[in-house]
Amino acid sequence: MFACFTVSLLQNCSSVHLASNILKLDWDAVDLIMKRGVERGLLRRKPDNVLHVGMDEKSFRLAIGTLQYSMIWTEAECLL
């Protein structure tokens, strides 16, 4: 029950740090709950026959001179 609440909170927070402050837990504990939730979700997934994959890379500034990159993978439909 608490893990479900934590995952829901993580989905609505902008960072793990913010969620850990709200829950009054350390960052590592919240990160572990998140990783276990992802593992449970992946185990429940049914295999797909993905024909086309889309990839996008986003960058955002953490501090002056520091960029962080995230890669986003999606199933894409090909229109030819």
Protein backbone atom coordinates (compact mmCIF):
# COMPACT_ATOMS: atom_id res chain seq x y z
CA MET A 1 0.00 0.00 0.00
CA PHE A 2 2.77 2.45 0.94
CA ALA A 3 4.76 1.45 -2.14
CA CYS A 4 1.75 2.23 -4.38
CA PHE A 5 1.39 5.65 -2.74
CA THR A 6 5.11 6.30 -3.16
CA VAL A 7 5.05 5.37 -6.87
CA SER A 8 2.00 7.58 -7.40
CA LEU A 9 3.76 10.45 -5.63
CA LEU A 10 6.88 9.93 -7.75
CA GLN A 11 4.77 10.15 -10.92
CA ASN A 12 3.50 13.54 -9.80
CA CYS A 13 6.72 15.01 -8.39
CA SER A 14 9.39 16.67 -10.47
CA SER A 15 12.22 14.75 -8.73
CA VAL A 16 12.99 11.85 -6.41
CA HIS A 17 14.46 14.40 -4.00
CA LEU A 18 11.13 16.23 -3.72
CA ALA A 19 9.23 12.98 -3.15
CA SER A 20 11.72 11.89 -0.49
CA ASN A 21 11.25 15.19 1.33
CA ILE A 22 7.45 14.82 1.28
CA LEU A 23 7.68 11.21 2.53
CA LYS A 24 10.40 12.07 5.06
CA LEU A 25 12.54 9.22 3.74
CA ASP A 26 16.08 9.34 2.44
CA TRP A 27 16.67 9.47 -1.30
CA ASP A 28 18.00 5.88 -1.45
CA ALA A 29 14.85 4.43 0.15
CA VAL A 30 12.57 6.20 -2.33
CA ASP A 31 14.83 5.21 -5.24
CA LEU A 32 14.65 1.55 -4.13
CA ILE A 33 10.84 1.69 -3.96
CA MET A 34 10.80 3.20 -7.47
CA LYS A 35 13.13 0.51 -8.87
CA ARG A 36 11.01 -2.28 -7.35
CA GLY A 37 7.87 -0.71 -8.82
CA VAL A 38 9.48 -0.58 -12.26
CA GLU A 39 10.51 -4.23 -11.96
CA ARG A 40 6.94 -5.24 -11.01
CA GLY A 41 5.55 -3.26 -13.93
CA LEU A 42 7.98 -4.82 -16.40
CA LEU A 43 7.10 -8.33 -15.18
CA ARG A 44 3.39 -7.65 -15.80
CA ARG A 45 3.96 -6.36 -19.33
CA LYS A 46 3.05 -8.54 -22.24
CA PRO A 47 5.61 -8.83 -25.03
CA ASP A 48 4.83 -6.61 -27.99
CA ASN A 49 5.73 -6.94 -31.61
CA VAL A 50 7.18 -3.47 -31.99
CA LEU A 51 7.85 -2.67 -35.62
CA HIS A 52 9.15 0.90 -35.32
CA VAL A 53 10.85 2.66 -32.44
CA GLY A 54 11.13 6.40 -32.03
CA MET A 55 14.01 7.97 -30.11
CA ASP A 56 14.36 11.51 -28.86
CA GLU A 57 17.11 13.07 -26.77
CA LYS A 58 16.34 15.96 -24.45
CA SER A 59 18.89 18.11 -22.67
CA PHE A 60 18.32 20.36 -19.70
CA ARG A 61 20.59 22.59 -17.66
CA LEU A 62 21.26 21.55 -14.06
CA ALA A 63 23.62 24.40 -13.24
CA ILE A 64 25.71 26.91 -15.13
CA GLY A 65 27.78 24.93 -17.62
CA THR A 66 26.22 21.58 -16.63
CA LEU A 67 23.84 19.79 -18.97
CA GLN A 68 22.06 16.52 -18.38
CA TYR A 69 20.64 14.40 -21.16
CA SER A 70 17.65 12.06 -21.17
CA MET A 71 16.79 9.66 -23.95
CA ILE A 72 13.13 8.88 -24.61
CA TRP A 73 12.14 5.73 -26.49
CA THR A 74 8.62 5.30 -27.86
CA GLU A 75 6.81 2.94 -30.11
CA ALA A 76 6.29 4.82 -33.35
CA GLU A 77 4.03 4.21 -36.29
CA CYS A 78 5.74 4.61 -39.61
CA LEU A 79 3.90 6.68 -42.17
CA LEU A 80 5.38 6.22 -45.64
